[in-house]
Structures are given as structure tokens and as C-alpha cells.
């Protein structure tokens, strides 16, 4: 997903503070994940509290932009669909 996100960003003409997906991946797994190991993300909290999540603004956006820029984003599509499915299950309870 990181690689596809960077591909979409590049296709859109955008930039990030990291030169490429591999550089960000090192920061993500080497710094961000360990530092937030015990963190309970807002999306997880939303799901637990049966509230809508911000999935559309995150992975859903990458999934929506991918096809517009001829970038396949199957992992983003599946993740967004799974989270939306869980939201629907929660909202009907």
C-alpha cells in the first residue's frame, strides 16, 4: 500500500518529504510503528464505538485517485471495502 500510495502521489504530480516509498517504509517501520505500538488509532476507536471512520479520506482517496491516473490500487480497494463493510455492520447494530 505504501508503494501504491507513492505511485499515485507521483502520478498526481505531488511530492512528500520522502524521496520514495522505500525511504518512507524505513521511517514507518523503523520509527513510526515502534513509537505508536500502544496507540489506539482514531479509526479503531471509531469502529469500536460504532461510529463512521475516516477511511474515505485516507485509503479511500488513494483508491479513488489511482484509476484516474492509471494506477491499479487493489490493496487499497480491498482495505477500504473491508473497513466500510465493518462500518456497515457496526451501524446496523
PDB file of N, CA and C in Angstrom:
ATOM      1  N   UNK A   1       0.814  -1.185   0.000  1.00  0.00           N
ATOM      2  CA  UNK A   1       0.000   0.000   0.000  1.00  0.00           C
ATOM      3  C   UNK A   1       0.859   1.251   0.000  1.00  0.00           C
ATOM      4  N   UNK A   2       1.972   1.204   0.675  1.00  0.00           N
ATOM      5  CA  UNK A   2       2.863   2.367   0.676  1.00  0.00           C
ATOM      6  C   UNK A   2       3.357   2.642  -0.740  1.00  0.00           C
ATOM      7  N   UNK A   3       3.782   1.606  -1.430  1.00  0.00           N
ATOM      8  CA  UNK A   3       4.292   1.782  -2.798  1.00  0.00           C
ATOM      9  C   UNK A   3       3.217   2.333  -3.722  1.00  0.00           C
ATOM     10  N   UNK A   4       2.008   1.789  -3.626  1.00  0.00           N
ATOM     11  CA  UNK A   4       0.920   2.274  -4.490  1.00  0.00           C
ATOM     12  C   UNK A   4       0.548   3.710  -4.150  1.00  0.00           C
ATOM     13  N   UNK A   5       0.567   4.042  -2.879  1.00  0.00           N
ATOM     14  CA  UNK A   5       0.262   5.419  -2.477  1.00  0.00           C
ATOM     15  C   UNK A   5       1.285   6.378  -3.066  1.00  0.00           C
ATOM     16  N   UNK A   6       2.541   6.018  -3.008  1.00  0.00           N
ATOM     17  CA  UNK A   6       3.582   6.875  -3.587  1.00  0.00           C
ATOM     18  C   UNK A   6       3.441   6.959  -5.104  1.00  0.00           C
ATOM     19  N   UNK A   7       3.053   5.866  -5.734  1.00  0.00           N
ATOM     20  CA  UNK A   7       2.850   5.884  -7.182  1.00  0.00           C
ATOM     21  C   UNK A   7       1.711   6.834  -7.548  1.00  0.00           C
ATOM     22  N   UNK A   8       0.635   6.804  -6.778  1.00  0.00           N
ATOM     23  CA  UNK A   8      -0.490   7.701  -7.024  1.00  0.00           C
ATOM     24  C   UNK A   8      -0.069   9.159  -6.788  1.00  0.00           C
ATOM     25  N   UNK A   9       0.640   9.408  -5.710  1.00  0.00           N
ATOM     26  CA  UNK A   9       1.116  10.774  -5.428  1.00  0.00           C
ATOM     27  C   UNK A   9       1.958  11.287  -6.588  1.00  0.00           C
ATOM     28  N   UNK A  10       2.878  10.469  -7.055  1.00  0.00           N
ATOM     29  CA  UNK A  10       3.736  10.861  -8.168  1.00  0.00           C
ATOM     30  C   UNK A  10       2.916  11.094  -9.436  1.00  0.00           C
ATOM     31  N   UNK A  11       1.961  10.222  -9.710  1.00  0.00           N
ATOM     32  CA  UNK A  11       1.120  10.362 -10.903  1.00  0.00           C
ATOM     33  C   UNK A  11       0.293  11.639 -10.859  1.00  0.00           C
ATOM     34  N   UNK A  12      -0.047  12.078  -9.658  1.00  0.00           N
ATOM     35  CA  UNK A  12      -0.822  13.309  -9.490  1.00  0.00           C
ATOM     36  C   UNK A  12       0.068  14.555  -9.512  1.00  0.00           C
ATOM     37  N   UNK A  13       1.380  14.339  -9.573  1.00  0.00           N
ATOM     38  CA  UNK A  13       2.306  15.472  -9.574  1.00  0.00           C
ATOM     39  C   UNK A  13       2.652  15.975  -8.190  1.00  0.00           C
ATOM     40  N   UNK A  14       2.319  15.202  -7.177  1.00  0.00           N
ATOM     41  CA  UNK A  14       2.589  15.596  -5.797  1.00  0.00           C
ATOM     42  C   UNK A  14       3.955  15.156  -5.316  1.00  0.00           C
ATOM     43  N   UNK A  15       4.319  15.632  -4.159  1.00  0.00           N
ATOM     44  CA  UNK A  15       5.581  15.256  -3.529  1.00  0.00           C
ATOM     45  C   UNK A  15       5.332  14.976  -2.054  1.00  0.00           C
ATOM     46  N   UNK A  16       6.310  14.351  -1.438  1.00  0.00           N
ATOM     47  CA  UNK A  16       6.279  14.098   0.007  1.00  0.00           C
ATOM     48  C   UNK A  16       7.645  14.472   0.571  1.00  0.00           C
ATOM     49  N   UNK A  17       7.761  14.526   1.874  1.00  0.00           N
ATOM     50  CA  UNK A  17       9.080  14.785   2.465  1.00  0.00           C
ATOM     51  C   UNK A  17      10.089  13.652   2.205  1.00  0.00           C
ATOM     52  N   UNK A  18       9.588  12.485   1.774  1.00  0.00           N
ATOM     53  CA  UNK A  18      10.448  11.337   1.499  1.00  0.00           C
ATOM     54  C   UNK A  18      10.639  11.205  -0.002  1.00  0.00           C
ATOM     55  N   UNK A  19      11.831  10.862  -0.447  1.00  0.00           N
ATOM     56  CA  UNK A  19      12.072  10.787  -1.888  1.00  0.00           C
ATOM     57  C   UNK A  19      11.364   9.643  -2.596  1.00  0.00           C
ATOM     58  N   UNK A  20      11.036   8.587  -1.850  1.00  0.00           N
ATOM     59  CA  UNK A  20      10.389   7.426  -2.469  1.00  0.00           C
ATOM     60  C   UNK A  20       9.741   6.555  -1.402  1.00  0.00           C
ATOM     61  N   UNK A  21       9.006   5.557  -1.862  1.00  0.00           N
ATOM     62  CA  UNK A  21       8.287   4.662  -0.954  1.00  0.00           C
ATOM     63  C   UNK A  21       9.242   3.902  -0.036  1.00  0.00           C
ATOM     64  N   UNK A  22      10.384   3.485  -0.546  1.00  0.00           N
ATOM     65  CA  UNK A  22      11.334   2.726   0.277  1.00  0.00           C
ATOM     66  C   UNK A  22      11.838   3.564   1.447  1.00  0.00           C
ATOM     67  N   UNK A  23      12.090   4.835   1.213  1.00  0.00           N
ATOM     68  CA  UNK A  23      12.546   5.727   2.290  1.00  0.00           C
ATOM     69  C   UNK A  23      11.467   5.884   3.351  1.00  0.00           C
ATOM     70  N   UNK A  24      10.230   6.075   2.906  1.00  0.00           N
ATOM     71  CA  UNK A  24       9.130   6.210   3.866  1.00  0.00           C
ATOM     72  C   UNK A  24       8.922   4.899   4.620  1.00  0.00           C
ATOM     73  N   UNK A  25       9.014   3.776   3.932  1.00  0.00           N
ATOM     74  CA  UNK A  25       8.840   2.469   4.565  1.00  0.00           C
ATOM     75  C   UNK A  25       9.827   2.287   5.719  1.00  0.00           C
ATOM     76  N   UNK A  26      11.063   2.742   5.534  1.00  0.00           N
ATOM     77  CA  UNK A  26      12.057   2.654   6.611  1.00  0.00           C
ATOM     78  C   UNK A  26      11.628   3.485   7.817  1.00  0.00           C
ATOM     79  N   UNK A  27      11.139   4.683   7.571  1.00  0.00           N
ATOM     80  CA  UNK A  27      10.658   5.544   8.657  1.00  0.00           C
ATOM     81  C   UNK A  27       9.427   4.921   9.310  1.00  0.00           C
ATOM     82  N   UNK A  28       8.504   4.431   8.490  1.00  0.00           N
ATOM     83  CA  UNK A  28       7.267   3.853   9.003  1.00  0.00           C
ATOM     84  C   UNK A  28       7.544   2.685   9.943  1.00  0.00           C
ATOM     85  N   UNK A  29       8.304   1.702   9.448  1.00  0.00           N
ATOM     86  CA  UNK A  29       8.555   0.511  10.258  1.00  0.00           C
ATOM     87  C   UNK A  29       9.646   0.706  11.304  1.00  0.00           C
ATOM     88  N   UNK A  30      10.598   1.593  11.039  1.00  0.00           N
ATOM     89  CA  UNK A  30      11.702   1.787  11.973  1.00  0.00           C
ATOM     90  C   UNK A  30      11.423   2.786  13.076  1.00  0.00           C
ATOM     91  N   UNK A  31      10.545   3.759  12.809  1.00  0.00           N
ATOM     92  CA  UNK A  31      10.295   4.821  13.786  1.00  0.00           C
ATOM     93  C   UNK A  31       8.814   4.909  14.181  1.00  0.00           C
ATOM     94  N   UNK A  32       7.933   5.058  13.192  1.00  0.00           N
ATOM     95  CA  UNK A  32       6.521   5.325  13.490  1.00  0.00           C
ATOM     96  C   UNK A  32       5.808   4.152  14.151  1.00  0.00           C
ATOM     97  N   UNK A  33       5.978   2.959  13.613  1.00  0.00           N
ATOM     98  CA  UNK A  33       5.292   1.806  14.204  1.00  0.00           C
ATOM     99  C   UNK A  33       5.781   1.551  15.631  1.00  0.00           C
ATOM    100  N   UNK A  34       7.094   1.488  15.891  1.00  0.00           N
ATOM    101  CA  UNK A  34       7.527   1.273  17.279  1.00  0.00           C
ATOM    102  C   UNK A  34       7.047   2.382  18.235  1.00  0.00           C
ATOM    103  N   UNK A  35       7.064   3.628  17.761  1.00  0.00           N
ATOM    104  CA  UNK A  35       6.682   4.740  18.631  1.00  0.00           C
ATOM    105  C   UNK A  35       5.193   4.750  18.955  1.00  0.00           C
ATOM    106  N   UNK A  36       4.390   4.130  18.103  1.00  0.00           N
ATOM    107  CA  UNK A  36       2.940   4.142  18.313  1.00  0.00           C
ATOM    108  C   UNK A  36       2.384   2.746  18.595  1.00  0.00           C
ATOM    109  N   UNK A  37       3.232   1.851  19.020  1.00  0.00           N
ATOM    110  CA  UNK A  37       2.844   0.461  19.248  1.00  0.00           C
ATOM    111  C   UNK A  37       1.609   0.341  20.138  1.00  0.00           C
ATOM    112  N   UNK A  38       1.553   1.105  21.210  1.00  0.00           N
ATOM    113  CA  UNK A  38       0.427   1.015  22.143  1.00  0.00           C
ATOM    114  C   UNK A  38      -0.697   2.001  21.829  1.00  0.00           C
ATOM    115  N   UNK A  39      -0.552   2.736  20.753  1.00  0.00           N
ATOM    116  CA  UNK A  39      -1.545   3.742  20.362  1.00  0.00           C
ATOM    117  C   UNK A  39      -2.803   3.073  19.817  1.00  0.00           C
ATOM    118  N   UNK A  40      -3.942   3.605  20.156  1.00  0.00           N
ATOM    119  CA  UNK A  40      -5.212   3.120  19.623  1.00  0.00           C
ATOM    120  C   UNK A  40      -5.681   4.158  18.614  1.00  0.00           C
ATOM    121  N   UNK A  41      -5.578   3.823  17.348  1.00  0.00           N
ATOM    122  CA  UNK A  41      -5.875   4.776  16.285  1.00  0.00           C
ATOM    123  C   UNK A  41      -7.323   5.267  16.358  1.00  0.00           C
ATOM    124  N   UNK A  42      -7.538   6.445  15.806  1.00  0.00           N
ATOM    125  CA  UNK A  42      -8.891   7.005  15.799  1.00  0.00           C
ATOM    126  C   UNK A  42      -9.833   6.127  14.980  1.00  0.00           C
ATOM    127  N   UNK A  43      -9.333   5.507  13.917  1.00  0.00           N
ATOM    128  CA  UNK A  43     -10.188   4.639  13.107  1.00  0.00           C
ATOM    129  C   UNK A  43     -10.604   3.400  13.905  1.00  0.00           C
ATOM    130  N   UNK A  44      -9.675   2.830  14.650  1.00  0.00           N
ATOM    131  CA  UNK A  44     -10.014   1.690  15.501  1.00  0.00           C
ATOM    132  C   UNK A  44     -11.032   2.107  16.561  1.00  0.00           C
ATOM    133  N   UNK A  45     -10.813   3.257  17.167  1.00  0.00           N
ATOM    134  CA  UNK A  45     -11.753   3.739  18.180  1.00  0.00           C
ATOM    135  C   UNK A  45     -13.136   3.971  17.572  1.00  0.00           C
ATOM    136  N   UNK A  46     -13.173   4.533  16.370  1.00  0.00           N
ATOM    137  CA  UNK A  46     -14.454   4.735  15.689  1.00  0.00           C
ATOM    138  C   UNK A  46     -15.173   3.405  15.482  1.00  0.00           C
ATOM    139  N   UNK A  47     -14.454   2.394  15.017  1.00  0.00           N
ATOM    140  CA  UNK A  47     -15.067   1.081  14.791  1.00  0.00           C
ATOM    141  C   UNK A  47     -15.575   0.484  16.099  1.00  0.00           C
ATOM    142  N   UNK A  48     -14.775   0.604  17.144  1.00  0.00           N
ATOM    143  CA  UNK A  48     -15.179   0.057  18.441  1.00  0.00           C
ATOM    144  C   UNK A  48     -16.411   0.768  19.004  1.00  0.00           C
ATOM    145  N   UNK A  49     -16.545   2.054  18.689  1.00  0.00           N
ATOM    146  CA  UNK A  49     -17.664   2.847  19.204  1.00  0.00           C
ATOM    147  C   UNK A  49     -18.832   2.919  18.212  1.00  0.00           C
ATOM    148  N   UNK A  50     -18.741   2.115  17.152  1.00  0.00           N
ATOM    149  CA  UNK A  50     -19.800   2.035  16.137  1.00  0.00           C
ATOM    150  C   UNK A  50     -20.044   3.377  15.447  1.00  0.00           C
ATOM    151  N   UNK A  51     -18.972   4.107  15.218  1.00  0.00           N
ATOM    152  CA  UNK A  51     -19.043   5.383  14.509  1.00  0.00           C
ATOM    153  C   UNK A  51     -18.433   5.240  13.121  1.00  0.00           C
ATOM    154  N   UNK A  52     -18.805   6.105  12.192  1.00  0.00           N
ATOM    155  CA  UNK A  52     -18.154   6.094  10.874  1.00  0.00           C
ATOM    156  C   UNK A  52     -16.671   6.434  11.022  1.00  0.00           C
ATOM    157  N   UNK A  53     -15.863   5.911  10.133  1.00  0.00           N
ATOM    158  CA  UNK A  53     -14.423   6.182  10.166  1.00  0.00           C
ATOM    159  C   UNK A  53     -14.058   7.208   9.098  1.00  0.00           C
ATOM    160  N   UNK A  54     -12.794   7.574   9.088  1.00  0.00           N
ATOM    161  CA  UNK A  54     -12.271   8.495   8.078  1.00  0.00           C
ATOM    162  C   UNK A  54     -11.615   7.738   6.922  1.00  0.00           C
ATOM    163  N   UNK A  55     -12.037   6.496   6.692  1.00  0.00           N
ATOM    164  CA  UNK A  55     -11.426   5.669   5.652  1.00  0.00           C
ATOM    165  C   UNK A  55     -11.487   6.337   4.281  1.00  0.00           C
ATOM    166  N   UNK A  56     -12.568   7.026   3.975  1.00  0.00           N
ATOM    167  CA  UNK A  56     -12.696   7.670   2.663  1.00  0.00           C
ATOM    168  C   UNK A  56     -11.627   8.738   2.471  1.00  0.00           C
ATOM    169  N   UNK A  57     -11.268   9.422   3.532  1.00  0.00           N
ATOM    170  CA  UNK A  57     -10.269  10.485   3.439  1.00  0.00           C
ATOM    171  C   UNK A  57      -8.847   9.932   3.433  1.00  0.00           C
ATOM    172  N   UNK A  58      -8.694   8.692   3.749  1.00  0.00           N
ATOM    173  CA  UNK A  58      -7.355   8.117   3.810  1.00  0.00           C
ATOM    174  C   UNK A  58      -7.153   7.158   2.642  1.00  0.00           C
ATOM    175  N   UNK A  59      -7.279   5.892   2.883  1.00  0.00           N
ATOM    176  CA  UNK A  59      -7.019   4.885   1.849  1.00  0.00           C
ATOM    177  C   UNK A  59      -8.051   4.955   0.729  1.00  0.00           C
ATOM    178  N   UNK A  60      -9.251   5.373   1.046  1.00  0.00           N
ATOM    179  CA  UNK A  60     -10.280   5.516   0.014  1.00  0.00           C
ATOM    180  C   UNK A  60      -9.911   6.562  -1.023  1.00  0.00           C
ATOM    181  N   UNK A  61      -9.232   7.608  -0.597  1.00  0.00           N
ATOM    182  CA  UNK A  61      -8.813   8.659  -1.535  1.00  0.00           C
ATOM    183  C   UNK A  61      -7.775   8.118  -2.513  1.00  0.00           C
ATOM    184  N   UNK A  62      -6.810   7.379  -2.012  1.00  0.00           N
ATOM    185  CA  UNK A  62      -5.792   6.779  -2.880  1.00  0.00           C
ATOM    186  C   UNK A  62      -6.466   5.829  -3.859  1.00  0.00           C
ATOM    187  N   UNK A  63      -7.406   5.037  -3.357  1.00  0.00           N
ATOM    188  CA  UNK A  63      -8.130   4.104  -4.211  1.00  0.00           C
ATOM    189  C   UNK A  63      -8.923   4.832  -5.292  1.00  0.00           C
ATOM    190  N   UNK A  64      -9.520   5.950  -4.956  1.00  0.00           N
ATOM    191  CA  UNK A  64     -10.306   6.715  -5.936  1.00  0.00           C
ATOM    192  C   UNK A  64      -9.424   7.406  -6.967  1.00  0.00           C
ATOM    193  N   UNK A  65      -8.259   7.878  -6.549  1.00  0.00           N
ATOM    194  CA  UNK A  65      -7.365   8.593  -7.454  1.00  0.00           C
ATOM    195  C   UNK A  65      -6.570   7.656  -8.360  1.00  0.00           C
ATOM    196  N   UNK A  66      -6.286   6.449  -7.902  1.00  0.00           N
ATOM    197  CA  UNK A  66      -5.492   5.506  -8.682  1.00  0.00           C
ATOM    198  C   UNK A  66      -5.994   5.322 -10.105  1.00  0.00           C
ATOM    199  N   UNK A  67      -7.234   4.904 -10.295  1.00  0.00           N
ATOM    200  CA  UNK A  67      -7.738   4.688 -11.660  1.00  0.00           C
ATOM    201  C   UNK A  67      -7.723   5.955 -12.528  1.00  0.00           C
ATOM    202  N   UNK A  68      -7.923   7.096 -11.907  1.00  0.00           N
ATOM    203  CA  UNK A  68      -7.906   8.351 -12.667  1.00  0.00           C
ATOM    204  C   UNK A  68      -6.521   8.650 -13.245  1.00  0.00           C
ATOM    205  N   UNK A  69      -5.493   8.024 -12.638  1.00  0.00           N
ATOM    206  CA  UNK A  69      -4.117   8.248 -13.083  1.00  0.00           C
ATOM    207  C   UNK A  69      -3.470   6.955 -13.581  1.00  0.00           C
ATOM    208  N   UNK A  70      -4.333   6.006 -13.943  1.00  0.00           N
ATOM    209  CA  UNK A  70      -3.897   4.715 -14.492  1.00  0.00           C
ATOM    210  C   UNK A  70      -2.961   3.945 -13.554  1.00  0.00           C
ATOM    211  N   UNK A  71      -3.287   3.976 -12.272  1.00  0.00           N
ATOM    212  CA  UNK A  71      -2.530   3.238 -11.269  1.00  0.00           C
ATOM    213  C   UNK A  71      -3.495   2.270 -10.591  1.00  0.00           C
ATOM    214  N   UNK A  72      -3.234   0.992 -10.710  1.00  0.00           N
ATOM    215  CA  UNK A  72      -4.063  -0.012 -10.035  1.00  0.00           C
ATOM    216  C   UNK A  72      -3.774   0.030  -8.540  1.00  0.00           C
ATOM    217  N   UNK A  73      -4.833   0.041  -7.741  1.00  0.00           N
ATOM    218  CA  UNK A  73      -4.674   0.089  -6.284  1.00  0.00           C
ATOM    219  C   UNK A  73      -5.521  -1.002  -5.615  1.00  0.00           C
ATOM    220  N   UNK A  74      -5.290  -2.263  -5.971  1.00  0.00           N
ATOM    221  CA  UNK A  74      -6.149  -3.337  -5.452  1.00  0.00           C
ATOM    222  C   UNK A  74      -6.093  -3.494  -3.935  1.00  0.00           C
ATOM    223  N   UNK A  75      -4.929  -3.325  -3.330  1.00  0.00           N
ATOM    224  CA  UNK A  75      -4.845  -3.463  -1.868  1.00  0.00           C
ATOM    225  C   UNK A  75      -5.611  -2.346  -1.177  1.00  0.00           C
ATOM    226  N   UNK A  76      -5.496  -1.136  -1.693  1.00  0.00           N
ATOM    227  CA  UNK A  76      -6.242  -0.004  -1.134  1.00  0.00           C
ATOM    228  C   UNK A  76      -7.735  -0.233  -1.290  1.00  0.00           C
ATOM    229  N   UNK A  77      -8.130  -0.763  -2.432  1.00  0.00           N
ATOM    230  CA  UNK A  77      -9.546  -1.028  -2.698  1.00  0.00           C
ATOM    231  C   UNK A  77     -10.103  -2.049  -1.714  1.00  0.00           C
ATOM    232  N   UNK A  78      -9.358  -3.121  -1.492  1.00  0.00           N
ATOM    233  CA  UNK A  78      -9.815  -4.169  -0.569  1.00  0.00           C
ATOM    234  C   UNK A  78      -9.868  -3.645   0.858  1.00  0.00           C
ATOM    235  N   UNK A  79      -8.831  -2.937   1.291  1.00  0.00           N
ATOM    236  CA  UNK A  79      -8.819  -2.410   2.657  1.00  0.00           C
ATOM    237  C   UNK A  79      -9.977  -1.440   2.875  1.00  0.00           C
ATOM    238  N   UNK A  80     -10.183  -0.525   1.945  1.00  0.00           N
ATOM    239  CA  UNK A  80     -11.289   0.428   2.068  1.00  0.00           C
ATOM    240  C   UNK A  80     -12.625  -0.316   2.117  1.00  0.00           C
ATOM    241  N   UNK A  81     -12.802  -1.323   1.277  1.00  0.00           N
ATOM    242  CA  UNK A  81     -14.053  -2.089   1.259  1.00  0.00           C
ATOM    243  C   UNK A  81     -14.256  -2.843   2.571  1.00  0.00           C
ATOM    244  N   UNK A  82     -13.201  -3.413   3.117  1.00  0.00           N
ATOM    245  CA  UNK A  82     -13.325  -4.141   4.384  1.00  0.00           C
ATOM    246  C   UNK A  82     -13.713  -3.206   5.523  1.00  0.00           C
ATOM    247  N   UNK A  83     -13.105  -2.042   5.560  1.00  0.00           N
ATOM    248  CA  UNK A  83     -13.430  -1.091   6.631  1.00  0.00           C
ATOM    249  C   UNK A  83     -14.855  -0.578   6.463  1.00  0.00           C
ATOM    250  N   UNK A  84     -15.253  -0.283   5.231  1.00  0.00           N
ATOM    251  CA  UNK A  84     -16.642   0.157   5.004  1.00  0.00           C
ATOM    252  C   UNK A  84     -17.638  -0.944   5.388  1.00  0.00           C
ATOM    253  N   UNK A  85     -17.291  -2.199   5.095  1.00  0.00           N
ATOM    254  CA  UNK A  85     -18.143  -3.325   5.477  1.00  0.00           C
ATOM    255  C   UNK A  85     -18.289  -3.381   6.995  1.00  0.00           C
ATOM    256  N   UNK A  86     -17.188  -3.245   7.705  1.00  0.00           N
ATOM    257  CA  UNK A  86     -17.221  -3.266   9.174  1.00  0.00           C
ATOM    258  C   UNK A  86     -18.035  -2.089   9.702  1.00  0.00           C
ATOM    259  N   UNK A  87     -17.899  -0.923   9.077  1.00  0.00           N
ATOM    260  CA  UNK A  87     -18.713   0.233   9.466  1.00  0.00           C
ATOM    261  C   UNK A  87     -20.198  -0.084   9.329  1.00  0.00           C
ATOM    262  N   UNK A  88     -20.576  -0.677   8.189  1.00  0.00           N
ATOM    263  CA  UNK A  88     -21.986  -1.002   7.956  1.00  0.00           C
ATOM    264  C   UNK A  88     -22.508  -1.999   8.975  1.00  0.00           C
ATOM    265  N   UNK A  89     -21.694  -2.996   9.310  1.00  0.00           N
ATOM    266  CA  UNK A  89     -22.097  -3.949  10.333  1.00  0.00           C
ATOM    267  C   UNK A  89     -22.318  -3.244  11.667  1.00  0.00           C
ATOM    268  N   UNK A  90     -21.396  -2.342  12.001  1.00  0.00           N
ATOM    269  CA  UNK A  90     -21.498  -1.616  13.275  1.00  0.00           C
ATOM    270  C   UNK A  90     -22.715  -0.694  13.308  1.00  0.00           C
ATOM    271  N   UNK A  91     -22.988  -0.028  12.193  1.00  0.00           N
ATOM    272  CA  UNK A  91     -24.058   0.957  12.172  1.00  0.00           C
ATOM    273  C   UNK A  91     -25.442   0.315  12.184  1.00  0.00           C
ATOM    274  N   UNK A  92     -25.514  -0.969  11.818  1.00  0.00           N
ATOM    275  CA  UNK A  92     -26.814  -1.644  11.816  1.00  0.00           C
ATOM    276  C   UNK A  92     -27.088  -2.348  13.142  1.00  0.00           C
ATOM    277  N   UNK A  93     -26.150  -2.291  14.043  1.00  0.00           N
ATOM    278  CA  UNK A  93     -26.341  -2.959  15.358  1.00  0.00           C
ATOM    279  C   UNK A  93     -26.974  -2.023  16.342  1.00  0.00           C
TER     280      UNK A  93
END
